Full PDB file with SEQRES, HELIX, SHEET, SSBOND, CRYST1, ORIGX, SCALE, CONECT and MASTER records, all heavy atoms in Angstrom:
SEQRES   1 A   35  GLN GLU ALA TRP ARG THR VAL ASN ALA MET PHE GLU ASP          
SEQRES   2 A   35  LYS GLU LYS LYS TYR LEU LYS ALA LEU GLU GLU SER ARG          
SEQRES   3 A   35  LYS GLU LEU GLU GLU GLU LYS LYS ARG                          
HELIX    1 AA1 GLU A    2  LYS A   34  1                                  33    
CRYST1    1.000    1.000    1.000  90.00  90.00  90.00 P 1           1          
ORIGX1      1.000000  0.000000  0.000000        0.00000                         
ORIGX2      0.000000  1.000000  0.000000        0.00000                         
ORIGX3      0.000000  0.000000  1.000000        0.00000                         
SCALE1      1.000000  0.000000  0.000000        0.00000                         
SCALE2      0.000000  1.000000  0.000000        0.00000                         
SCALE3      0.000000  0.000000  1.000000        0.00000                         
ATOM      1  N   GLN A   1       0.829  -1.205   0.000  1.00  0.00           N  
ATOM      2  CA  GLN A   1       0.000   0.000   0.000  1.00  0.00           C  
ATOM      3  C   GLN A   1       0.864   1.256   0.000  1.00  0.00           C  
ATOM      4  O   GLN A   1       0.565   2.224  -0.703  1.00  0.00           O  
ATOM      5  CB  GLN A   1      -0.933   0.008   1.215  1.00  0.00           C  
ATOM      6  CG  GLN A   1      -2.081  -0.966   1.089  1.00  0.00           C  
ATOM      7  CD  GLN A   1      -2.917  -1.020   2.353  1.00  0.00           C  
ATOM      8  OE1 GLN A   1      -2.448  -0.723   3.443  1.00  0.00           O  
ATOM      9  NE2 GLN A   1      -4.181  -1.420   2.193  1.00  0.00           N  
ATOM     10  N   GLU A   2       1.946   1.243   0.774  1.00  0.00           N  
ATOM     11  CA  GLU A   2       2.849   2.397   0.814  1.00  0.00           C  
ATOM     12  C   GLU A   2       3.504   2.608  -0.550  1.00  0.00           C  
ATOM     13  O   GLU A   2       3.641   3.732  -1.022  1.00  0.00           O  
ATOM     14  CB  GLU A   2       3.917   2.216   1.896  1.00  0.00           C  
ATOM     15  CG  GLU A   2       4.851   3.397   2.035  1.00  0.00           C  
ATOM     16  CD  GLU A   2       4.144   4.707   2.359  1.00  0.00           C  
ATOM     17  OE1 GLU A   2       3.112   4.683   3.061  1.00  0.00           O  
ATOM     18  OE2 GLU A   2       4.636   5.761   1.929  1.00  0.00           O  
ATOM     19  N   ALA A   3       3.883   1.510  -1.190  1.00  0.00           N  
ATOM     20  CA  ALA A   3       4.471   1.614  -2.531  1.00  0.00           C  
ATOM     21  C   ALA A   3       3.470   2.232  -3.505  1.00  0.00           C  
ATOM     22  O   ALA A   3       3.819   3.115  -4.299  1.00  0.00           O  
ATOM     23  CB  ALA A   3       4.918   0.232  -3.011  1.00  0.00           C  
ATOM     24  N   TRP A   4       2.219   1.799  -3.428  1.00  0.00           N  
ATOM     25  CA  TRP A   4       1.195   2.355  -4.323  1.00  0.00           C  
ATOM     26  C   TRP A   4       0.930   3.827  -4.018  1.00  0.00           C  
ATOM     27  O   TRP A   4       0.724   4.628  -4.934  1.00  0.00           O  
ATOM     28  CB  TRP A   4      -0.106   1.553  -4.244  1.00  0.00           C  
ATOM     29  CG  TRP A   4      -0.051   0.337  -5.115  1.00  0.00           C  
ATOM     30  CD1 TRP A   4      -0.024  -0.954  -4.721  1.00  0.00           C  
ATOM     31  CD2 TRP A   4       0.002   0.320  -6.550  1.00  0.00           C  
ATOM     32  NE1 TRP A   4       0.047  -1.794  -5.811  1.00  0.00           N  
ATOM     33  CE2 TRP A   4       0.062  -1.034  -6.945  1.00  0.00           C  
ATOM     34  CE3 TRP A   4       0.013   1.306  -7.526  1.00  0.00           C  
ATOM     35  CZ2 TRP A   4       0.131  -1.417  -8.279  1.00  0.00           C  
ATOM     36  CZ3 TRP A   4       0.069   0.925  -8.858  1.00  0.00           C  
ATOM     37  CH2 TRP A   4       0.130  -0.422  -9.223  1.00  0.00           C  
ATOM     38  N   ARG A   5       0.968   4.199  -2.746  1.00  0.00           N  
ATOM     39  CA  ARG A   5       0.787   5.622  -2.397  1.00  0.00           C  
ATOM     40  C   ARG A   5       1.907   6.459  -2.996  1.00  0.00           C  
ATOM     41  O   ARG A   5       1.675   7.546  -3.524  1.00  0.00           O  
ATOM     42  CB  ARG A   5       0.731   5.806  -0.879  1.00  0.00           C  
ATOM     43  CG  ARG A   5      -0.622   5.493  -0.263  1.00  0.00           C  
ATOM     44  CD  ARG A   5      -0.708   5.974   1.174  1.00  0.00           C  
ATOM     45  NE  ARG A   5       0.081   5.175   2.097  1.00  0.00           N  
ATOM     46  CZ  ARG A   5      -0.327   4.046   2.675  1.00  0.00           C  
ATOM     47  NH1 ARG A   5      -1.540   3.586   2.433  1.00  0.00           N  
ATOM     48  NH2 ARG A   5       0.466   3.387   3.495  1.00  0.00           N  
ATOM     49  N   THR A   6       3.137   5.926  -2.923  1.00  0.00           N  
ATOM     50  CA  THR A   6       4.287   6.637  -3.485  1.00  0.00           C  
ATOM     51  C   THR A   6       4.146   6.776  -4.998  1.00  0.00           C  
ATOM     52  O   THR A   6       4.347   7.861  -5.561  1.00  0.00           O  
ATOM     53  CB  THR A   6       5.590   5.886  -3.147  1.00  0.00           C  
ATOM     54  OG1 THR A   6       5.691   5.772  -1.727  1.00  0.00           O  
ATOM     55  CG2 THR A   6       6.797   6.619  -3.683  1.00  0.00           C  
ATOM     56  N   VAL A   7       3.801   5.674  -5.653  1.00  0.00           N  
ATOM     57  CA  VAL A   7       3.627   5.701  -7.113  1.00  0.00           C  
ATOM     58  C   VAL A   7       2.514   6.674  -7.490  1.00  0.00           C  
ATOM     59  O   VAL A   7       2.662   7.496  -8.403  1.00  0.00           O  
ATOM     60  CB  VAL A   7       3.331   4.285  -7.654  1.00  0.00           C  
ATOM     61  CG1 VAL A   7       2.849   4.325  -9.098  1.00  0.00           C  
ATOM     62  CG2 VAL A   7       4.564   3.405  -7.523  1.00  0.00           C  
ATOM     63  N   ASN A   8       1.398   6.591  -6.791  1.00  0.00           N  
ATOM     64  CA  ASN A   8       0.275   7.488  -7.088  1.00  0.00           C  
ATOM     65  C   ASN A   8       0.650   8.949  -6.877  1.00  0.00           C  
ATOM     66  O   ASN A   8       0.259   9.816  -7.658  1.00  0.00           O  
ATOM     67  CB  ASN A   8      -0.949   7.122  -6.244  1.00  0.00           C  
ATOM     68  CG  ASN A   8      -1.588   5.832  -6.702  1.00  0.00           C  
ATOM     69  OD1 ASN A   8      -1.428   5.418  -7.846  1.00  0.00           O  
ATOM     70  ND2 ASN A   8      -2.289   5.167  -5.797  1.00  0.00           N  
ATOM     71  N   ALA A   9       1.422   9.223  -5.811  1.00  0.00           N  
ATOM     72  CA  ALA A   9       1.855  10.601  -5.554  1.00  0.00           C  
ATOM     73  C   ALA A   9       2.756  11.103  -6.677  1.00  0.00           C  
ATOM     74  O   ALA A   9       2.639  12.254  -7.116  1.00  0.00           O  
ATOM     75  CB  ALA A   9       2.577  10.688  -4.211  1.00  0.00           C  
ATOM     76  N   MET A  10       3.663  10.233  -7.156  1.00  0.00           N  
ATOM     77  CA  MET A  10       4.549  10.631  -8.261  1.00  0.00           C  
ATOM     78  C   MET A  10       3.738  10.955  -9.508  1.00  0.00           C  
ATOM     79  O   MET A  10       3.960  11.961 -10.166  1.00  0.00           O  
ATOM     80  CB  MET A  10       5.546   9.514  -8.571  1.00  0.00           C  
ATOM     81  CG  MET A  10       6.644   9.367  -7.557  1.00  0.00           C  
ATOM     82  SD  MET A  10       7.818   8.015  -7.849  1.00  0.00           S  
ATOM     83  CE  MET A  10       7.480   7.400  -9.456  1.00  0.00           C  
ATOM     84  N   PHE A  11       2.788  10.093  -9.822  1.00  0.00           N  
ATOM     85  CA  PHE A  11       1.984  10.327 -11.018  1.00  0.00           C  
ATOM     86  C   PHE A  11       1.057  11.519 -10.841  1.00  0.00           C  
ATOM     87  O   PHE A  11       0.773  12.230 -11.798  1.00  0.00           O  
ATOM     88  CB  PHE A  11       1.199   9.070 -11.401  1.00  0.00           C  
ATOM     89  CG  PHE A  11       2.050   8.042 -12.078  1.00  0.00           C  
ATOM     90  CD1 PHE A  11       2.295   6.820 -11.474  1.00  0.00           C  
ATOM     91  CD2 PHE A  11       2.626   8.301 -13.306  1.00  0.00           C  
ATOM     92  CE1 PHE A  11       3.090   5.873 -12.095  1.00  0.00           C  
ATOM     93  CE2 PHE A  11       3.419   7.359 -13.937  1.00  0.00           C  
ATOM     94  CZ  PHE A  11       3.661   6.145 -13.328  1.00  0.00           C  
ATOM     95  N   GLU A  12       0.600  11.746  -9.633  1.00  0.00           N  
ATOM     96  CA  GLU A  12      -0.265  12.897  -9.378  1.00  0.00           C  
ATOM     97  C   GLU A  12       0.501  14.189  -9.644  1.00  0.00           C  
ATOM     98  O   GLU A  12      -0.022  15.108 -10.273  1.00  0.00           O  
ATOM     99  CB  GLU A  12      -0.773  12.860  -7.938  1.00  0.00           C  
ATOM    100  CG  GLU A  12      -1.749  13.985  -7.625  1.00  0.00           C  
ATOM    101  CD  GLU A  12      -2.260  13.909  -6.188  1.00  0.00           C  
ATOM    102  OE1 GLU A  12      -2.304  12.802  -5.625  1.00  0.00           O  
ATOM    103  OE2 GLU A  12      -2.603  14.963  -5.659  1.00  0.00           O  
ATOM    104  N   ASP A  13       1.765  14.243  -9.194  1.00  0.00           N  
ATOM    105  CA  ASP A  13       2.588  15.429  -9.444  1.00  0.00           C  
ATOM    106  C   ASP A  13       2.810  15.633 -10.935  1.00  0.00           C  
ATOM    107  O   ASP A  13       2.701  16.752 -11.444  1.00  0.00           O  
ATOM    108  CB  ASP A  13       3.940  15.315  -8.730  1.00  0.00           C  
ATOM    109  CG  ASP A  13       3.814  15.436  -7.221  1.00  0.00           C  
ATOM    110  OD1 ASP A  13       2.757  15.923  -6.742  1.00  0.00           O  
ATOM    111  OD2 ASP A  13       4.767  15.044  -6.516  1.00  0.00           O  
ATOM    112  N   LYS A  14       3.117  14.535 -11.639  1.00  0.00           N  
ATOM    113  CA  LYS A  14       3.322  14.638 -13.082  1.00  0.00           C  
ATOM    114  C   LYS A  14       2.034  15.037 -13.787  1.00  0.00           C  
ATOM    115  O   LYS A  14       2.050  15.840 -14.710  1.00  0.00           O  
ATOM    116  CB  LYS A  14       3.850  13.322 -13.654  1.00  0.00           C  
ATOM    117  CG  LYS A  14       5.284  13.072 -13.302  1.00  0.00           C  
ATOM    118  CD  LYS A  14       5.823  11.857 -14.016  1.00  0.00           C  
ATOM    119  CE  LYS A  14       7.242  11.640 -13.575  1.00  0.00           C  
ATOM    120  NZ  LYS A  14       8.154  11.392 -14.629  1.00  0.00           N  
ATOM    121  N   GLU A  15       0.913  14.479 -13.341  1.00  0.00           N  
ATOM    122  CA  GLU A  15      -0.372  14.804 -13.941  1.00  0.00           C  
ATOM    123  C   GLU A  15      -0.673  16.293 -13.763  1.00  0.00           C  
ATOM    124  O   GLU A  15      -1.094  16.962 -14.709  1.00  0.00           O  
ATOM    125  CB  GLU A  15      -1.482  13.965 -13.311  1.00  0.00           C  
ATOM    126  CG  GLU A  15      -2.843  14.237 -13.931  1.00  0.00           C  
ATOM    127  CD  GLU A  15      -3.954  13.431 -13.285  1.00  0.00           C  
ATOM    128  OE1 GLU A  15      -3.821  13.042 -12.107  1.00  0.00           O  
ATOM    129  OE2 GLU A  15      -4.959  13.208 -13.970  1.00  0.00           O  
ATOM    130  N   LYS A  16      -0.433  16.817 -12.560  1.00  0.00           N  
ATOM    131  CA  LYS A  16      -0.651  18.245 -12.317  1.00  0.00           C  
ATOM    132  C   LYS A  16       0.244  19.090 -13.220  1.00  0.00           C  
ATOM    133  O   LYS A  16      -0.198  20.088 -13.794  1.00  0.00           O  
ATOM    134  CB  LYS A  16      -0.380  18.585 -10.848  1.00  0.00           C  
ATOM    135  CG  LYS A  16      -1.457  18.123  -9.904  1.00  0.00           C  
ATOM    136  CD  LYS A  16      -1.115  18.482  -8.470  1.00  0.00           C  
ATOM    137  CE  LYS A  16      -2.150  17.951  -7.502  1.00  0.00           C  
ATOM    138  NZ  LYS A  16      -1.795  18.245  -6.099  1.00  0.00           N  
ATOM    139  N   LYS A  17       1.495  18.672 -13.347  1.00  0.00           N  
ATOM    140  CA  LYS A  17       2.445  19.395 -14.203  1.00  0.00           C  
ATOM    141  C   LYS A  17       1.951  19.417 -15.650  1.00  0.00           C  
ATOM    142  O   LYS A  17       1.934  20.464 -16.299  1.00  0.00           O  
ATOM    143  CB  LYS A  17       3.814  18.728 -14.111  1.00  0.00           C  
ATOM    144  CG  LYS A  17       4.856  19.306 -15.020  1.00  0.00           C  
ATOM    145  CD  LYS A  17       6.145  18.495 -14.922  1.00  0.00           C  
ATOM    146  CE  LYS A  17       7.097  18.842 -16.041  1.00  0.00           C  
ATOM    147  NZ  LYS A  17       8.271  17.964 -16.050  1.00  0.00           N  
ATOM    148  N   TYR A  18       1.537  18.250 -16.154  1.00  0.00           N  
ATOM    149  CA  TYR A  18       1.079  18.171 -17.542  1.00  0.00           C  
ATOM    150  C   TYR A  18      -0.245  18.900 -17.746  1.00  0.00           C  
ATOM    151  O   TYR A  18      -0.452  19.527 -18.785  1.00  0.00           O  
ATOM    152  CB  TYR A  18       0.979  16.717 -18.000  1.00  0.00           C  
ATOM    153  CG  TYR A  18       2.334  16.047 -18.114  1.00  0.00           C  
ATOM    154  CD1 TYR A  18       2.557  14.802 -17.560  1.00  0.00           C  
ATOM    155  CD2 TYR A  18       3.392  16.668 -18.761  1.00  0.00           C  
ATOM    156  CE1 TYR A  18       3.797  14.190 -17.658  1.00  0.00           C  
ATOM    157  CE2 TYR A  18       4.628  16.074 -18.854  1.00  0.00           C  
ATOM    158  CZ  TYR A  18       4.833  14.824 -18.306  1.00  0.00           C  
ATOM    159  OH  TYR A  18       6.055  14.232 -18.406  1.00  0.00           O  
ATOM    160  N   LEU A  19      -1.127  18.832 -16.767  1.00  0.00           N  
ATOM    161  CA  LEU A  19      -2.395  19.556 -16.884  1.00  0.00           C  
ATOM    162  C   LEU A  19      -2.156  21.060 -16.902  1.00  0.00           C  
ATOM    163  O   LEU A  19      -2.814  21.790 -17.643  1.00  0.00           O  
ATOM    164  CB  LEU A  19      -3.339  19.172 -15.749  1.00  0.00           C  
ATOM    165  CG  LEU A  19      -3.962  17.778 -15.848  1.00  0.00           C  
ATOM    166  CD1 LEU A  19      -4.774  17.474 -14.594  1.00  0.00           C  
ATOM    167  CD2 LEU A  19      -4.817  17.649 -17.090  1.00  0.00           C  
ATOM    168  N   LYS A  20      -1.201  21.518 -16.094  1.00  0.00           N  
ATOM    169  CA  LYS A  20      -0.861  22.944 -16.076  1.00  0.00           C  
ATOM    170  C   LYS A  20      -0.279  23.362 -17.423  1.00  0.00           C  
ATOM    171  O   LYS A  20      -0.662  24.398 -17.977  1.00  0.00           O  
ATOM    172  CB  LYS A  20       0.141  23.233 -14.955  1.00  0.00           C  
ATOM    173  CG  LYS A  20       0.497  24.684 -14.833  1.00  0.00           C  
ATOM    174  CD  LYS A  20       1.463  24.935 -13.688  1.00  0.00           C  
ATOM    175  CE  LYS A  20       1.838  26.402 -13.616  1.00  0.00           C  
ATOM    176  NZ  LYS A  20       2.805  26.663 -12.556  1.00  0.00           N  
ATOM    177  N   ALA A  21       0.634  22.549 -17.960  1.00  0.00           N  
ATOM    178  CA  ALA A  21       1.221  22.848 -19.264  1.00  0.00           C  
ATOM    179  C   ALA A  21       0.157  22.835 -20.354  1.00  0.00           C  
ATOM    180  O   ALA A  21       0.159  23.689 -21.253  1.00  0.00           O  
ATOM    181  CB  ALA A  21       2.325  21.842 -19.591  1.00  0.00           C  
ATOM    182  N   LEU A  22      -0.757  21.888 -20.266  1.00  0.00           N  
ATOM    183  CA  LEU A  22      -1.842  21.804 -21.238  1.00  0.00           C  
ATOM    184  C   LEU A  22      -2.730  23.042 -21.170  1.00  0.00           C  
ATOM    185  O   LEU A  22      -3.112  23.607 -22.201  1.00  0.00           O  
ATOM    186  CB  LEU A  22      -2.665  20.541 -20.986  1.00  0.00           C  
ATOM    187  CG  LEU A  22      -3.802  20.253 -21.953  1.00  0.00           C  
ATOM    188  CD1 LEU A  22      -3.276  20.018 -23.354  1.00  0.00           C  
ATOM    189  CD2 LEU A  22      -4.580  19.031 -21.477  1.00  0.00           C  
ATOM    190  N   GLU A  23      -3.045  23.480 -19.971  1.00  0.00           N  
ATOM    191  CA  GLU A  23      -3.878  24.674 -19.793  1.00  0.00           C  
ATOM    192  C   GLU A  23      -3.170  25.917 -20.334  1.00  0.00           C  
ATOM    193  O   GLU A  23      -3.780  26.756 -20.993  1.00  0.00           O  
ATOM    194  CB  GLU A  23      -4.228  24.858 -18.309  1.00  0.00           C  
ATOM    195  CG  GLU A  23      -5.112  26.043 -18.031  1.00  0.00           C  
ATOM    196  CD  GLU A  23      -6.479  25.986 -18.686  1.00  0.00           C  
ATOM    197  OE1 GLU A  23      -6.944  24.893 -19.043  1.00  0.00           O  
ATOM    198  OE2 GLU A  23      -7.094  27.059 -18.857  1.00  0.00           O  
ATOM    199  N   GLU A  24      -1.859  26.027 -20.082  1.00  0.00           N  
ATOM    200  CA  GLU A  24      -1.099  27.157 -20.609  1.00  0.00           C  
ATOM    201  C   GLU A  24      -1.089  27.143 -22.132  1.00  0.00           C  
ATOM    202  O   GLU A  24      -1.250  28.188 -22.772  1.00  0.00           O  
ATOM    203  CB  GLU A  24       0.322  27.135 -20.056  1.00  0.00           C  
ATOM    204  CG  GLU A  24       0.403  27.484 -18.585  1.00  0.00           C  
ATOM    205  CD  GLU A  24       1.797  27.300 -18.005  1.00  0.00           C  
ATOM    206  OE1 GLU A  24       2.735  26.911 -18.749  1.00  0.00           O  
ATOM    207  OE2 GLU A  24       1.949  27.527 -16.792  1.00  0.00           O  
ATOM    208  N   SER A  25      -0.922  25.963 -22.713  1.00  0.00           N  
ATOM    209  CA  SER A  25      -0.938  25.847 -24.174  1.00  0.00           C  
ATOM    210  C   SER A  25      -2.306  26.220 -24.733  1.00  0.00           C  
ATOM    211  O   SER A  25      -2.404  26.889 -25.764  1.00  0.00           O  
ATOM    212  CB  SER A  25      -0.590  24.421 -24.603  1.00  0.00           C  
ATOM    213  OG  SER A  25       0.731  24.109 -24.259  1.00  0.00           O  
ATOM    214  N   ARG A  26      -3.360  25.787 -24.041  1.00  0.00           N  
ATOM    215  CA  ARG A  26      -4.716  26.127 -24.485  1.00  0.00           C  
ATOM    216  C   ARG A  26      -4.930  27.632 -24.465  1.00  0.00           C  
ATOM    217  O   ARG A  26      -5.487  28.214 -25.398  1.00  0.00           O  
ATOM    218  CB  ARG A  26      -5.749  25.429 -23.600  1.00  0.00           C  
ATOM    219  CG  ARG A  26      -7.185  25.580 -24.115  1.00  0.00           C  
ATOM    220  CD  ARG A  26      -8.216  25.200 -23.083  1.00  0.00           C  
ATOM    221  NE  ARG A  26      -8.206  26.040 -21.907  1.00  0.00           N  
ATOM    222  CZ  ARG A  26      -8.672  27.305 -21.857  1.00  0.00           C  
ATOM    223  NH1 ARG A  26      -9.184  27.867 -22.921  1.00  0.00           N  
ATOM    224  NH2 ARG A  26      -8.637  27.995 -20.736  1.00  0.00           N  
ATOM    225  N   LYS A  27      -4.446  28.283 -23.399  1.00  0.00           N  
ATOM    226  CA  LYS A  27      -4.589  29.736 -23.301  1.00  0.00           C  
ATOM    227  C   LYS A  27      -3.809  30.432 -24.413  1.00  0.00           C  
ATOM    228  O   LYS A  27      -4.297  31.393 -25.013  1.00  0.00           O  
ATOM    229  CB  LYS A  27      -4.103  30.231 -21.933  1.00  0.00           C  
ATOM    230  CG  LYS A  27      -5.058  29.936 -20.816  1.00  0.00           C  
ATOM    231  CD  LYS A  27      -4.524  30.443 -19.487  1.00  0.00           C  
ATOM    232  CE  LYS A  27      -5.464  30.100 -18.342  1.00  0.00           C  
ATOM    233  NZ  LYS A  27      -4.924  30.551 -17.049  1.00  0.00           N  
ATOM    234  N   GLU A  28      -2.587  29.954 -24.697  1.00  0.00           N  
ATOM    235  CA  GLU A  28      -1.789  30.534 -25.775  1.00  0.00           C  
ATOM    236  C   GLU A  28      -2.494  30.387 -27.116  1.00  0.00           C  
ATOM    237  O   GLU A  28      -2.504  31.312 -27.929  1.00  0.00           O  
ATOM    238  CB  GLU A  28      -0.411  29.882 -25.823  1.00  0.00           C  
ATOM    239  CG  GLU A  28       0.485  30.258 -24.663  1.00  0.00           C  
ATOM    240  CD  GLU A  28       1.780  29.466 -24.653  1.00  0.00           C  
ATOM    241  OE1 GLU A  28       2.045  28.697 -25.612  1.00  0.00           O  
ATOM    242  OE2 GLU A  28       2.532  29.611 -23.673  1.00  0.00           O  
ATOM    243  N   LEU A  29      -3.081  29.211 -27.348  1.00  0.00           N  
ATOM    244  CA  LEU A  29      -3.807  28.989 -28.596  1.00  0.00           C  
ATOM    245  C   LEU A  29      -5.017  29.903 -28.707  1.00  0.00           C  
ATOM    246  O   LEU A  29      -5.310  30.429 -29.785  1.00  0.00           O  
ATOM    247  CB  LEU A  29      -4.241  27.525 -28.708  1.00  0.00           C  
ATOM    248  CG  LEU A  29      -3.147  26.533 -29.041  1.00  0.00           C  
ATOM    249  CD1 LEU A  29      -3.672  25.098 -28.951  1.00  0.00           C  
ATOM    250  CD2 LEU A  29      -2.583  26.790 -30.426  1.00  0.00           C  
ATOM    251  N   GLU A  30      -5.731  30.092 -27.598  1.00  0.00           N  
ATOM    252  CA  GLU A  30      -6.895  30.989 -27.599  1.00  0.00           C  
ATOM    253  C   GLU A  30      -6.450  32.424 -27.916  1.00  0.00           C  
ATOM    254  O   GLU A  30      -7.108  33.122 -28.681  1.00  0.00           O  
ATOM    255  CB  GLU A  30      -7.614  30.943 -26.246  1.00  0.00           C  
ATOM    256  CG  GLU A  30      -8.432  29.689 -26.033  1.00  0.00           C  
ATOM    257  CD  GLU A  30      -9.595  29.567 -26.995  1.00  0.00           C  
ATOM    258  OE1 GLU A  30     -10.242  30.582 -27.318  1.00  0.00           O  
ATOM    259  OE2 GLU A  30      -9.859  28.429 -27.433  1.00  0.00           O  
ATOM    260  N   GLU A  31      -5.334  32.852 -27.314  1.00  0.00           N  
ATOM    261  CA  GLU A  31      -4.830  34.201 -27.580  1.00  0.00           C  
ATOM    262  C   GLU A  31      -4.401  34.339 -29.037  1.00  0.00           C  
ATOM    263  O   GLU A  31      -4.672  35.361 -29.678  1.00  0.00           O  
ATOM    264  CB  GLU A  31      -3.665  34.513 -26.643  1.00  0.00           C  
ATOM    265  CG  GLU A  31      -4.093  34.697 -25.194  1.00  0.00           C  
ATOM    266  CD  GLU A  31      -2.910  34.826 -24.244  1.00  0.00           C  
ATOM    267  OE1 GLU A  31      -1.752  34.888 -24.704  1.00  0.00           O  
ATOM    268  OE2 GLU A  31      -3.163  34.855 -23.026  1.00  0.00           O  
ATOM    269  N   GLU A  32      -3.732  33.315 -29.568  1.00  0.00           N  
ATOM    270  CA  GLU A  32      -3.303  33.340 -30.966  1.00  0.00           C  
ATOM    271  C   GLU A  32      -4.519  33.368 -31.894  1.00  0.00           C  
ATOM    272  O   GLU A  32      -4.537  34.084 -32.895  1.00  0.00           O  
ATOM    273  CB  GLU A  32      -2.427  32.122 -31.273  1.00  0.00           C  
ATOM    274  CG  GLU A  32      -1.864  32.114 -32.670  1.00  0.00           C  
ATOM    275  CD  GLU A  32      -0.932  33.260 -32.954  1.00  0.00           C  
ATOM    276  OE1 GLU A  32      -0.246  33.735 -32.018  1.00  0.00           O  
ATOM    277  OE2 GLU A  32      -0.894  33.704 -34.114  1.00  0.00           O  
ATOM    278  N   LYS A  33      -5.545  32.597 -31.560  1.00  0.00           N  
ATOM    279  CA  LYS A  33      -6.775  32.591 -32.356  1.00  0.00           C  
ATOM    280  C   LYS A  33      -7.410  33.973 -32.339  1.00  0.00           C  
ATOM    281  O   LYS A  33      -7.849  34.474 -33.374  1.00  0.00           O  
ATOM    282  CB  LYS A  33      -7.743  31.555 -31.796  1.00  0.00           C  
ATOM    283  CG  LYS A  33      -9.048  31.465 -32.542  1.00  0.00           C  
ATOM    284  CD  LYS A  33      -9.972  30.442 -31.914  1.00  0.00           C  
ATOM    285  CE  LYS A  33     -11.329  30.422 -32.592  1.00  0.00           C  
ATOM    286  NZ  LYS A  33     -12.269  29.496 -31.952  1.00  0.00           N  
ATOM    287  N   LYS A  34      -7.437  34.597 -31.163  1.00  0.00           N  
ATOM    288  CA  LYS A  34      -8.020  35.933 -31.046  1.00  0.00           C  
ATOM    289  C   LYS A  34      -7.232  36.936 -31.889  1.00  0.00           C  
ATOM    290  O   LYS A  34      -7.818  37.754 -32.603  1.00  0.00           O  
ATOM    291  CB  LYS A  34      -8.033  36.360 -29.577  1.00  0.00           C  
ATOM    292  CG  LYS A  34      -8.710  37.675 -29.325  1.00  0.00           C  
ATOM    293  CD  LYS A  34      -8.737  38.008 -27.844  1.00  0.00           C  
ATOM    294  CE  LYS A  34      -9.372  39.363 -27.595  1.00  0.00           C  
ATOM    295  NZ  LYS A  34      -9.368  39.712 -26.171  1.00  0.00           N  
ATOM    296  N   ARG A  35      -5.887  36.852 -31.826  1.00  0.00           N  
ATOM    297  CA  ARG A  35      -5.058  37.759 -32.634  1.00  0.00           C  
ATOM    298  C   ARG A  35      -5.300  37.532 -34.122  1.00  0.00           C  
ATOM    299  O   ARG A  35      -5.385  38.487 -34.898  1.00  0.00           O  
ATOM    300  CB  ARG A  35      -3.577  37.570 -32.302  1.00  0.00           C  
ATOM    301  CG  ARG A  35      -3.150  38.195 -30.998  1.00  0.00           C  
ATOM    302  CD  ARG A  35      -1.640  38.217 -30.843  1.00  0.00           C  
ATOM    303  NE  ARG A  35      -1.058  36.890 -30.763  1.00  0.00           N  
ATOM    304  CZ  ARG A  35      -0.867  36.210 -29.644  1.00  0.00           C  
ATOM    305  NH1 ARG A  35      -1.215  36.734 -28.496  1.00  0.00           N  
ATOM    306  NH2 ARG A  35      -0.316  35.021 -29.674  1.00  0.00           N  
TER     307      ARG A  35                                                      
MASTER        0    0    0    1    0    0    0    6  306    1    0    3          
END                                                                             
């Protein structure tokens, strides 16, 4: 269970990182579309 908690925490951090990058890219695309 501890191993799974560690693995899940690692993936959760990566998921947050990728979701943040995805959101930033989406915002950039929206701004480019507006321009």
